[in-house]
Amino acid sequence: MADPNNRPVTGYPAPATNGHPPPPSNTSYPYAAPPPAAYYNQQYYTGPAYHQPDPDAIRRATFLRRLFAFIIAGVIILGTILFIIWLVLRPRLPEFRVDSLSVSNFNLSSSTLVSADFDVKITARNPNGKITLFYDNVEAAVYFKNFQLSQTTLPPFSQGKKNETSFTAELAAVKAYLDGDIANGINGERGKSGNVVLNVRMLMEVRFKAGAWKARRRYLKAFCGDLSVGISANASNGTLTGGPRQCRVGL
C-alpha cells in the first residue's frame, strides 16, 4: 500500500520523467526549449500583388497577331496563284537569229576613222503557245570585239502565239573614231583570212500577255556573236559567211 507521505509537495516541480527535466510550470509547451518564433508569429505568404492586364495592350497584341497571320496567308495565296499560272502558261523567252549580215562602203583610213553601212536581217520567234509578246524600245548595235561601231533604234512590234517576225536593222558608221588596237585588229583579220568577225547585240523591253494576265516589262538582251563577214583587204563590201546564226537570249 502506497505511503501517503511520499506524495510530492504542492508547489515543487514534478519529478523527472525518463531522465528529462519536467517542463516549466508556467508554460503549456511540453519541451524544455522554447518553441520557434514562428510558433507565436505566423505569417502567410500571399505572393506578388496581382495587376489587372492593360486592355489596350491586349488589343494591340491581338491586332498584330492577326495582321501577321493575314500577311503570311496573303503571301502563300499569291505564291500559289503565280505558281498555277506558271504551270498553265509556261512562259518562255523569245528566240532570235541573224539570217544575213552585209557590209557596204567599208573604209578604214590610216587615221583610224571608219565608215561603213551594215544591214542585218534578224528573225524573232515567239515559242509560246498561249502568250503574246510585245517589244518596245528596241536597240541594235554592231560591235567589233567589245568596241561599238554603230547603233540604231528599231520600231516596236508584237508577236502572236508561235509567230515569227523578220526585220532588218540598218546601221551606219560615218568616220567613227577607232582605238588604235581596234583598227589594227580589223586590218589584221582582213589581211589574214579576208574576214572580219563582228557581233550584233540587241536590247529591248518585252511584255508577256495572255488574256487578262499581263506580266511587268522586262529588259531582254540578245547577243549574236562570231558573225564572220567576208571583207578582204582591198574590198569594201562583204556578206555573212557560214549561214544564219542563233543568238543567246537572256533577261
Protein backbone atom coordinates (compact mmCIF):
# COMPACT_ATOMS: atom_id res chain seq x y z
CA MET A 1 0.00 0.00 0.00
CA ALA A 2 1.41 3.39 -1.08
CA ASP A 3 2.64 5.67 1.59
CA PRO A 4 0.69 8.91 1.53
CA ASN A 5 3.72 10.67 2.89
CA ASN A 6 5.62 10.09 -0.40
CA ARG A 7 3.30 12.33 -2.45
CA PRO A 8 5.01 15.41 -3.91
CA VAL A 9 4.55 18.58 -2.05
CA THR A 10 2.43 21.18 -3.77
CA GLY A 11 4.49 23.96 -5.38
CA TYR A 12 7.52 21.74 -6.15
CA PRO A 13 8.27 20.55 -9.64
CA ALA A 14 7.19 17.13 -10.64
CA PRO A 15 9.86 14.52 -10.78
CA ALA A 16 11.76 13.97 -13.96
CA THR A 17 10.32 11.57 -16.49
CA ASN A 18 12.63 9.22 -18.40
CA GLY A 19 15.63 11.25 -17.34
CA HIS A 20 14.35 14.55 -18.76
CA PRO A 21 13.60 17.53 -16.56
CA PRO A 22 9.97 18.46 -16.30
CA PRO A 23 8.67 21.46 -18.28
CA PRO A 24 8.45 24.79 -16.50
CA SER A 25 5.29 25.18 -14.53
CA ASN A 26 4.35 28.48 -16.15
CA THR A 27 4.14 27.23 -19.80
CA SER A 28 1.98 24.86 -21.70
CA TYR A 29 4.76 23.96 -24.17
CA PRO A 30 5.76 20.38 -23.35
CA TYR A 31 9.51 20.78 -24.02
CA ALA A 32 12.30 22.50 -22.18
CA ALA A 33 13.44 24.55 -25.21
CA PRO A 34 11.17 27.41 -26.22
CA PRO A 35 9.20 26.98 -29.44
CA PRO A 36 10.37 28.78 -32.57
CA ALA A 37 9.28 32.36 -33.09
CA ALA A 38 7.05 31.28 -35.95
CA TYR A 39 5.05 29.37 -33.42
CA TYR A 40 3.96 32.68 -31.92
CA ASN A 41 4.09 34.93 -35.03
CA GLN A 42 2.69 33.03 -38.02
CA GLN A 43 2.77 34.99 -41.31
CA TYR A 44 1.11 33.77 -44.50
CA TYR A 45 2.83 34.33 -47.92
CA THR A 46 0.39 35.82 -50.33
CA GLY A 47 2.77 36.27 -53.37
CA PRO A 48 3.22 39.39 -55.51
CA ALA A 49 0.34 41.75 -55.89
CA TYR A 50 -1.96 40.91 -58.82
CA HIS A 51 -2.26 43.58 -61.51
CA GLN A 52 -5.11 43.71 -63.98
CA PRO A 53 -3.81 43.40 -67.64
CA ASP A 54 -3.95 46.55 -69.74
CA PRO A 55 -6.88 46.16 -72.20
CA ASP A 56 -5.17 48.40 -74.79
CA ALA A 57 -2.03 46.24 -74.75
CA ILE A 58 -4.14 43.11 -75.21
CA ARG A 59 -5.94 44.67 -78.17
CA ARG A 60 -2.65 45.76 -79.78
CA ALA A 61 -1.13 42.31 -79.40
CA THR A 62 -4.23 40.69 -80.87
CA PHE A 63 -4.21 43.12 -83.80
CA LEU A 64 -0.53 42.42 -84.55
CA ARG A 65 -1.05 38.67 -84.44
CA ARG A 66 -3.97 38.92 -86.84
CA LEU A 67 -2.02 41.26 -89.13
CA PHE A 68 0.96 38.89 -89.34
CA ALA A 69 -1.36 35.96 -89.97
CA PHE A 70 -3.11 37.91 -92.75
CA ILE A 71 0.22 38.85 -94.40
CA ILE A 72 1.52 35.28 -94.28
CA ALA A 73 -1.75 33.93 -95.68
CA GLY A 74 -1.68 36.55 -98.46
CA VAL A 75 1.88 35.66 -99.46
CA ILE A 76 1.03 31.95 -99.55
CA ILE A 77 -2.10 32.55 -101.64
CA LEU A 78 -0.29 34.87 -104.07
CA GLY A 79 2.58 32.43 -104.47
CA THR A 80 0.15 29.60 -105.13
CA ILE A 81 -1.70 31.65 -107.79
CA LEU A 82 1.54 32.61 -109.55
CA PHE A 83 2.75 29.02 -109.47
CA ILE A 84 -0.52 27.81 -111.02
CA ILE A 85 -0.30 30.49 -113.73
CA TRP A 86 3.27 29.44 -114.49
CA LEU A 87 2.22 25.79 -114.72
CA VAL A 88 -0.60 26.67 -117.11
CA LEU A 89 1.21 29.19 -119.32
CA ARG A 90 4.82 28.01 -119.05
CA PRO A 91 6.25 31.33 -120.35
CA ARG A 92 9.42 31.02 -122.43
CA LEU A 93 11.85 33.66 -123.66
CA PRO A 94 11.71 34.58 -127.35
CA GLU A 95 14.33 33.33 -129.77
CA PHE A 96 16.46 35.45 -132.13
CA ARG A 97 18.73 34.60 -135.03
CA VAL A 98 20.74 36.55 -137.60
CA ASP A 99 19.74 35.43 -141.08
CA SER A 100 22.11 37.69 -143.00
CA LEU A 101 24.62 40.47 -142.47
CA SER A 102 26.02 42.62 -145.25
CA VAL A 103 28.61 45.38 -145.11
CA SER A 104 28.96 48.02 -147.79
CA ASN A 105 31.09 51.13 -148.34
CA PHE A 106 33.57 49.90 -145.79
CA ASN A 107 36.53 52.28 -145.45
CA LEU A 108 39.16 52.30 -142.72
CA SER A 109 41.58 55.17 -143.17
CA SER A 110 45.10 55.37 -141.84
CA SER A 111 43.89 57.90 -139.25
CA THR A 112 41.73 55.14 -137.67
CA LEU A 113 38.45 56.59 -138.92
CA VAL A 114 35.95 54.02 -140.17
CA SER A 115 32.90 54.40 -142.38
CA ALA A 116 30.53 51.56 -143.27
CA ASP A 117 26.91 50.60 -143.83
CA PHE A 118 25.57 47.50 -142.06
CA ASP A 119 22.35 45.69 -142.97
CA VAL A 120 21.38 42.99 -140.50
CA LYS A 121 18.36 40.78 -141.16
CA ILE A 122 17.03 39.32 -137.90
CA THR A 123 14.23 36.87 -137.18
CA ALA A 124 12.46 36.83 -133.81
CA ARG A 125 10.36 33.82 -132.83
CA ASN A 126 7.74 33.53 -130.09
CA PRO A 127 7.88 29.91 -128.85
CA ASN A 128 4.87 30.31 -126.53
CA GLY A 129 1.54 28.77 -127.48
CA LYS A 130 -0.57 30.81 -125.04
CA ILE A 131 1.31 34.13 -124.72
CA THR A 132 1.59 37.19 -126.95
CA LEU A 133 4.83 39.21 -126.84
CA PHE A 134 5.23 42.97 -127.17
CA TYR A 135 8.62 44.57 -127.87
CA ASP A 136 9.37 48.23 -127.07
CA ASN A 137 12.47 50.46 -127.15
CA VAL A 138 14.33 48.06 -129.41
CA GLU A 139 18.01 48.93 -129.92
CA ALA A 140 20.54 47.15 -132.14
CA ALA A 141 24.29 47.68 -132.35
CA VAL A 142 27.22 46.25 -134.32
CA TYR A 143 30.48 45.54 -132.47
CA PHE A 144 33.99 44.51 -133.31
CA LYS A 145 35.03 42.60 -130.21
CA ASN A 146 33.76 44.91 -127.43
CA PHE A 147 34.03 48.14 -129.43
CA GLN A 148 30.76 49.56 -130.77
CA LEU A 149 30.92 50.53 -134.43
CA SER A 150 27.31 51.67 -134.91
CA GLN A 151 23.93 51.70 -133.17
CA THR A 152 20.31 52.28 -134.18
CA THR A 153 16.78 52.19 -132.78
CA LEU A 154 14.11 49.94 -134.29
CA PRO A 155 10.32 50.40 -134.25
CA PRO A 156 8.32 48.43 -131.65
CA PHE A 157 6.48 45.30 -132.74
CA SER A 158 4.39 42.47 -131.33
CA GLN A 159 4.26 38.73 -131.88
CA GLY A 160 1.33 36.37 -131.70
CA LYS A 161 1.48 32.83 -130.40
CA LYS A 162 4.04 30.63 -132.16
CA ASN A 163 4.77 33.51 -134.53
CA GLU A 164 7.98 34.53 -136.34
CA THR A 165 8.79 38.13 -137.23
CA SER A 166 11.64 39.19 -139.51
CA PHE A 167 13.02 42.71 -139.68
CA THR A 168 16.13 44.48 -140.92
CA ALA A 169 18.34 46.73 -138.83
CA GLU A 170 20.14 49.34 -140.93
CA LEU A 171 23.17 50.85 -139.24
CA ALA A 172 25.81 53.28 -140.43
CA ALA A 173 29.20 54.39 -139.20
CA VAL A 174 30.36 57.72 -140.61
CA LYS A 175 34.01 58.46 -139.90
CA ALA A 176 33.76 56.95 -136.45
CA TYR A 177 36.98 57.09 -134.49
CA LEU A 178 38.54 53.75 -133.63
CA ASP A 179 41.05 52.96 -130.97
CA GLY A 180 44.42 52.03 -132.45
CA ASP A 181 44.22 48.44 -131.20
CA ILE A 182 40.73 48.04 -132.70
CA ALA A 183 41.86 49.39 -136.10
CA ASN A 184 44.91 47.09 -136.09
CA GLY A 185 42.67 44.15 -135.16
CA ILE A 186 40.31 44.77 -138.09
CA ASN A 187 43.15 45.19 -140.57
CA GLY A 188 44.88 42.11 -139.18
CA GLU A 189 41.78 39.90 -139.68
CA ARG A 190 41.21 41.27 -143.19
CA GLY A 191 44.79 40.63 -144.22
CA LYS A 192 44.99 37.17 -142.64
CA SER A 193 41.72 35.48 -143.58
CA GLY A 194 39.80 38.06 -145.61
CA ASN A 195 37.06 38.03 -142.97
CA VAL A 196 36.08 40.34 -140.13
CA VAL A 197 34.30 38.83 -137.13
CA LEU A 198 31.52 41.10 -135.91
CA ASN A 199 28.96 40.87 -133.11
CA VAL A 200 25.36 42.10 -133.04
CA ARG A 201 23.74 42.98 -129.75
CA MET A 202 20.12 43.88 -129.10
CA LEU A 203 18.48 45.39 -126.06
CA MET A 204 14.70 45.81 -125.70
CA GLU A 205 11.76 45.83 -123.34
CA VAL A 206 9.42 42.85 -123.61
CA ARG A 207 5.93 42.26 -122.19
CA PHE A 208 4.15 38.92 -121.84
CA LYS A 209 0.37 38.88 -122.20
CA ALA A 210 -2.12 36.01 -122.04
CA GLY A 211 -5.78 37.07 -121.95
CA ALA A 212 -6.29 39.30 -118.92
CA TRP A 213 -2.93 38.29 -117.45
CA LYS A 214 -0.06 40.69 -118.07
CA ALA A 215 3.49 40.43 -116.80
CA ARG A 216 5.51 43.53 -115.99
CA ARG A 217 8.01 44.84 -118.51
CA ARG A 218 11.38 43.15 -118.57
CA TYR A 219 14.63 44.08 -120.26
CA LEU A 220 15.66 41.44 -122.77
CA LYS A 221 19.16 41.03 -124.22
CA ALA A 222 20.11 39.16 -127.37
CA PHE A 223 23.74 38.54 -128.28
CA CYS A 224 24.61 37.29 -131.76
CA GLY A 225 28.33 36.62 -131.84
CA ASP A 226 31.03 35.29 -134.15
CA LEU A 227 29.45 36.67 -137.31
CA SER A 228 32.18 36.26 -139.91
CA VAL A 229 31.82 38.77 -142.77
CA GLY A 230 33.98 38.38 -145.85
CA ILE A 231 35.76 41.70 -146.41
CA SER A 232 39.19 41.26 -147.94
CA ALA A 233 41.92 43.86 -147.58
CA ASN A 234 41.07 45.52 -150.91
CA ALA A 235 37.26 45.13 -150.74
CA SER A 236 34.64 47.50 -149.40
CA ASN A 237 31.66 45.11 -149.43
CA GLY A 238 31.10 41.78 -147.73
CA THR A 239 28.42 39.34 -146.57
CA LEU A 240 27.92 36.85 -143.77
CA THR A 241 29.65 33.51 -144.26
CA GLY A 242 28.55 30.22 -142.77
CA GLY A 243 24.80 30.78 -142.86
CA PRO A 244 22.36 32.04 -140.16
CA ARG A 245 23.48 32.20 -136.53
CA GLN A 246 21.38 31.67 -133.46
CA CYS A 247 21.58 34.33 -130.73
CA ARG A 248 21.86 33.94 -126.98
CA VAL A 249 18.89 35.49 -125.16
CA GLY A 250 18.57 36.42 -121.52
CA LEU A 251 16.92 38.85 -119.13
